[in-house]
Amino acid sequence: MAQDPDNPEAADAELAEMRPAREVPAPALDAALVNRGGRPKAEVRKVPVTIRLDPHIVDAFEATGPGWQTRMNEAPAEAASKLTVA
């Protein structure tokens, strides 16, 4: 078998130290599996809603390219800022 410098064969001492994952203490395993990715938490969480829009409205926003959903959110935000409560 050819030696691979990036993946050397384990020595007998290293093999003797190995244990099955089920024997590894949970905190050590948890630390290894922590999800460090993803986007940061938003200051203001969005509220999930269902809305039905005419296809030409969605198509117009999509045609503006990446970031269209943010721009689509800004349109009703601007309209809401002009509303007056009676």
N, C-alpha and C. Protein backbone atom coordinates (compact mmCIF):
# COMPACT_ATOMS: atom_id res chain seq x y z
N MET A 1 0.85 -1.16 0.00
CA MET A 1 0.00 0.00 0.00
C MET A 1 0.90 1.23 0.00
N ALA A 2 0.59 2.19 -0.89
CA ALA A 2 1.40 3.40 -0.99
C ALA A 2 1.10 4.32 0.18
N GLN A 3 2.15 4.97 0.69
CA GLN A 3 1.99 5.91 1.80
C GLN A 3 1.45 7.23 1.26
N ASP A 4 0.44 7.78 1.93
CA ASP A 4 -0.13 9.08 1.59
C ASP A 4 0.24 10.03 2.72
N PRO A 5 1.07 11.06 2.47
CA PRO A 5 1.51 11.95 3.54
C PRO A 5 0.35 12.73 4.18
N ASP A 6 -0.75 12.91 3.43
CA ASP A 6 -1.91 13.62 3.98
C ASP A 6 -2.82 12.70 4.80
N ASN A 7 -2.62 11.40 4.68
CA ASN A 7 -3.45 10.44 5.40
C ASN A 7 -2.58 9.26 5.83
N PRO A 8 -1.71 9.50 6.81
CA PRO A 8 -0.80 8.43 7.22
C PRO A 8 -1.55 7.30 7.92
N GLU A 9 -0.97 6.13 7.86
CA GLU A 9 -1.56 4.98 8.54
C GLU A 9 -1.45 5.19 10.05
N ALA A 10 -2.52 4.85 10.77
CA ALA A 10 -2.54 5.04 12.22
C ALA A 10 -1.57 4.07 12.89
N ALA A 11 -0.85 4.60 13.88
CA ALA A 11 0.09 3.78 14.63
C ALA A 11 -0.69 2.94 15.64
N ASP A 12 -0.07 1.88 16.15
CA ASP A 12 -0.72 1.00 17.12
C ASP A 12 -1.18 1.78 18.35
N ALA A 13 -0.38 2.76 18.81
CA ALA A 13 -0.73 3.55 19.99
C ALA A 13 -1.99 4.38 19.71
N GLU A 14 -2.08 4.93 18.50
CA GLU A 14 -3.27 5.72 18.14
C GLU A 14 -4.51 4.83 18.05
N LEU A 15 -4.36 3.66 17.47
CA LEU A 15 -5.48 2.73 17.37
C LEU A 15 -5.96 2.30 18.75
N ALA A 16 -5.04 2.14 19.69
CA ALA A 16 -5.41 1.71 21.05
C ALA A 16 -6.22 2.79 21.77
N GLU A 17 -6.03 4.06 21.41
CA GLU A 17 -6.75 5.16 22.06
C GLU A 17 -8.13 5.40 21.47
N MET A 18 -8.41 4.85 20.30
CA MET A 18 -9.69 5.10 19.64
C MET A 18 -10.83 4.39 20.35
N ARG A 19 -12.00 5.08 20.36
CA ARG A 19 -13.20 4.52 20.98
C ARG A 19 -14.38 4.74 20.04
N PRO A 20 -15.41 3.93 20.17
CA PRO A 20 -16.62 4.16 19.37
C PRO A 20 -17.27 5.48 19.78
N ALA A 21 -17.96 6.14 18.87
CA ALA A 21 -18.60 7.42 19.16
C ALA A 21 -19.58 7.30 20.31
N ARG A 22 -20.25 6.14 20.45
CA ARG A 22 -21.24 5.99 21.53
C ARG A 22 -20.60 6.05 22.91
N GLU A 23 -19.27 5.90 22.98
CA GLU A 23 -18.58 5.97 24.27
C GLU A 23 -18.02 7.37 24.56
N VAL A 24 -18.13 8.29 23.61
CA VAL A 24 -17.61 9.63 23.81
C VAL A 24 -18.62 10.41 24.66
N PRO A 25 -18.16 11.11 25.70
CA PRO A 25 -19.10 11.88 26.52
C PRO A 25 -19.90 12.87 25.68
N ALA A 26 -21.16 13.02 25.99
CA ALA A 26 -22.05 13.87 25.21
C ALA A 26 -21.54 15.31 25.05
N PRO A 27 -21.04 15.99 26.10
CA PRO A 27 -20.58 17.38 25.91
C PRO A 27 -19.48 17.49 24.84
N ALA A 28 -18.59 16.53 24.80
CA ALA A 28 -17.52 16.57 23.80
C ALA A 28 -18.10 16.39 22.41
N LEU A 29 -19.09 15.52 22.29
CA LEU A 29 -19.73 15.29 21.02
C LEU A 29 -20.56 16.50 20.62
N ASP A 30 -21.29 17.08 21.57
CA ASP A 30 -22.09 18.27 21.30
C ASP A 30 -21.23 19.41 20.80
N ALA A 31 -20.09 19.62 21.41
CA ALA A 31 -19.20 20.71 21.02
C ALA A 31 -18.71 20.51 19.58
N ALA A 32 -18.52 19.26 19.19
CA ALA A 32 -18.03 18.98 17.84
C ALA A 32 -19.13 19.19 16.81
N LEU A 33 -20.39 19.12 17.22
CA LEU A 33 -21.50 19.21 16.28
C LEU A 33 -22.22 20.55 16.31
N VAL A 34 -21.65 21.55 16.98
CA VAL A 34 -22.28 22.86 17.06
C VAL A 34 -22.38 23.48 15.68
N ASN A 35 -23.54 24.01 15.37
CA ASN A 35 -23.74 24.68 14.09
C ASN A 35 -23.25 26.11 14.23
N ARG A 36 -22.17 26.44 13.57
CA ARG A 36 -21.59 27.77 13.68
C ARG A 36 -21.98 28.65 12.49
N GLY A 37 -22.80 28.12 11.60
CA GLY A 37 -23.13 28.86 10.39
C GLY A 37 -24.47 29.58 10.50
N GLY A 38 -24.90 30.07 9.39
CA GLY A 38 -26.19 30.75 9.33
C GLY A 38 -26.06 32.25 9.49
N ARG A 39 -27.16 32.89 9.24
CA ARG A 39 -27.14 34.36 9.34
C ARG A 39 -27.41 34.78 10.77
N PRO A 40 -26.96 35.96 11.15
CA PRO A 40 -27.19 36.44 12.52
C PRO A 40 -28.68 36.68 12.76
N LYS A 41 -29.09 36.62 14.00
CA LYS A 41 -30.47 36.85 14.37
C LYS A 41 -30.85 38.31 14.08
N ALA A 42 -32.03 38.50 13.51
CA ALA A 42 -32.51 39.84 13.19
C ALA A 42 -33.02 40.52 14.46
N GLU A 43 -32.87 41.84 14.50
CA GLU A 43 -33.39 42.59 15.64
C GLU A 43 -34.91 42.51 15.69
N VAL A 44 -35.52 42.60 14.52
CA VAL A 44 -36.97 42.50 14.42
C VAL A 44 -37.29 41.29 13.56
N ARG A 45 -37.99 40.33 14.15
CA ARG A 45 -38.33 39.12 13.40
C ARG A 45 -39.48 39.39 12.46
N LYS A 46 -39.40 38.82 11.28
CA LYS A 46 -40.47 38.94 10.30
C LYS A 46 -41.63 38.03 10.72
N VAL A 47 -42.82 38.41 10.32
CA VAL A 47 -44.02 37.64 10.64
C VAL A 47 -44.42 36.86 9.39
N PRO A 48 -44.50 35.55 9.47
CA PRO A 48 -44.90 34.79 8.29
C PRO A 48 -46.39 34.99 8.01
N VAL A 49 -46.71 35.34 6.78
CA VAL A 49 -48.10 35.51 6.35
C VAL A 49 -48.27 34.87 4.98
N THR A 50 -49.50 34.62 4.62
CA THR A 50 -49.80 34.13 3.28
C THR A 50 -50.56 35.24 2.58
N ILE A 51 -50.12 35.59 1.39
CA ILE A 51 -50.77 36.65 0.62
C ILE A 51 -50.83 36.21 -0.83
N ARG A 52 -51.93 36.52 -1.48
CA ARG A 52 -52.09 36.18 -2.89
C ARG A 52 -51.93 37.46 -3.70
N LEU A 53 -50.97 37.44 -4.62
CA LEU A 53 -50.68 38.60 -5.46
C LEU A 53 -50.89 38.23 -6.92
N ASP A 54 -51.19 39.25 -7.71
CA ASP A 54 -51.31 39.03 -9.15
C ASP A 54 -49.93 38.65 -9.69
N PRO A 55 -49.89 37.72 -10.66
CA PRO A 55 -48.59 37.28 -11.20
C PRO A 55 -47.74 38.42 -11.74
N HIS A 56 -48.35 39.42 -12.36
CA HIS A 56 -47.55 40.50 -12.95
C HIS A 56 -46.82 41.31 -11.87
N ILE A 57 -47.36 41.36 -10.67
CA ILE A 57 -46.69 42.08 -9.57
C ILE A 57 -45.42 41.33 -9.16
N VAL A 58 -45.56 40.02 -8.95
CA VAL A 58 -44.41 39.21 -8.56
C VAL A 58 -43.37 39.21 -9.68
N ASP A 59 -43.83 39.07 -10.92
CA ASP A 59 -42.91 39.07 -12.07
C ASP A 59 -42.12 40.37 -12.15
N ALA A 60 -42.80 41.49 -11.89
CA ALA A 60 -42.12 42.79 -11.96
C ALA A 60 -41.01 42.89 -10.92
N PHE A 61 -41.27 42.43 -9.70
CA PHE A 61 -40.24 42.47 -8.66
C PHE A 61 -39.11 41.50 -8.97
N GLU A 62 -39.46 40.29 -9.41
CA GLU A 62 -38.42 39.29 -9.74
C GLU A 62 -37.52 39.80 -10.86
N ALA A 63 -38.09 40.55 -11.80
CA ALA A 63 -37.32 41.05 -12.94
C ALA A 63 -36.26 42.07 -12.53
N THR A 64 -36.38 42.61 -11.31
CA THR A 64 -35.39 43.59 -10.86
C THR A 64 -34.12 42.91 -10.37
N GLY A 65 -34.12 41.58 -10.30
CA GLY A 65 -32.91 40.84 -9.95
C GLY A 65 -32.78 40.52 -8.48
N PRO A 66 -31.58 40.08 -8.06
CA PRO A 66 -31.35 39.69 -6.67
C PRO A 66 -31.76 40.80 -5.70
N GLY A 67 -32.37 40.41 -4.61
CA GLY A 67 -32.85 41.36 -3.61
C GLY A 67 -34.29 41.77 -3.85
N TRP A 68 -34.95 41.11 -4.81
CA TRP A 68 -36.32 41.50 -5.14
C TRP A 68 -37.27 41.30 -3.97
N GLN A 69 -37.04 40.30 -3.14
CA GLN A 69 -37.94 40.06 -2.01
C GLN A 69 -37.83 41.19 -0.98
N THR A 70 -36.62 41.70 -0.79
CA THR A 70 -36.43 42.83 0.12
C THR A 70 -37.15 44.06 -0.43
N ARG A 71 -37.00 44.30 -1.73
CA ARG A 71 -37.69 45.44 -2.34
C ARG A 71 -39.20 45.26 -2.27
N MET A 72 -39.66 44.03 -2.41
CA MET A 72 -41.09 43.76 -2.32
C MET A 72 -41.59 44.03 -0.90
N ASN A 73 -40.77 43.78 0.10
CA ASN A 73 -41.13 44.07 1.49
C ASN A 73 -41.17 45.58 1.73
N GLU A 74 -40.29 46.31 1.06
CA GLU A 74 -40.22 47.76 1.26
C GLU A 74 -41.44 48.50 0.70
N ALA A 75 -42.08 47.95 -0.34
CA ALA A 75 -43.24 48.61 -0.95
C ALA A 75 -44.40 48.74 0.04
N PRO A 76 -44.85 47.67 0.70
CA PRO A 76 -45.92 47.86 1.68
C PRO A 76 -45.45 48.60 2.93
N ALA A 77 -44.16 48.53 3.25
CA ALA A 77 -43.64 49.28 4.40
C ALA A 77 -43.78 50.77 4.15
N GLU A 78 -43.48 51.18 2.91
CA GLU A 78 -43.61 52.60 2.55
C GLU A 78 -45.09 53.01 2.59
N ALA A 79 -45.97 52.16 2.07
CA ALA A 79 -47.40 52.46 2.09
C ALA A 79 -47.91 52.52 3.51
N ALA A 80 -47.45 51.63 4.37
CA ALA A 80 -47.90 51.61 5.77
C ALA A 80 -47.47 52.88 6.50
N SER A 81 -46.31 53.41 6.15
CA SER A 81 -45.82 54.62 6.84
C SER A 81 -46.68 55.84 6.50
N LYS A 82 -47.42 55.78 5.39
CA LYS A 82 -48.27 56.91 4.98
C LYS A 82 -49.70 56.79 5.53
N LEU A 83 -50.01 55.65 6.13
CA LEU A 83 -51.36 55.45 6.67
C LEU A 83 -51.55 56.27 7.94
N THR A 84 -52.76 56.75 8.12
CA THR A 84 -53.10 57.43 9.37
C THR A 84 -54.20 56.63 10.06
N VAL A 85 -54.06 56.50 11.35
CA VAL A 85 -55.05 55.75 12.12
C VAL A 85 -56.15 56.71 12.53
N ALA A 86 -57.39 56.33 12.21
CA ALA A 86 -58.52 57.21 12.53
C ALA A 86 -58.97 57.04 13.96
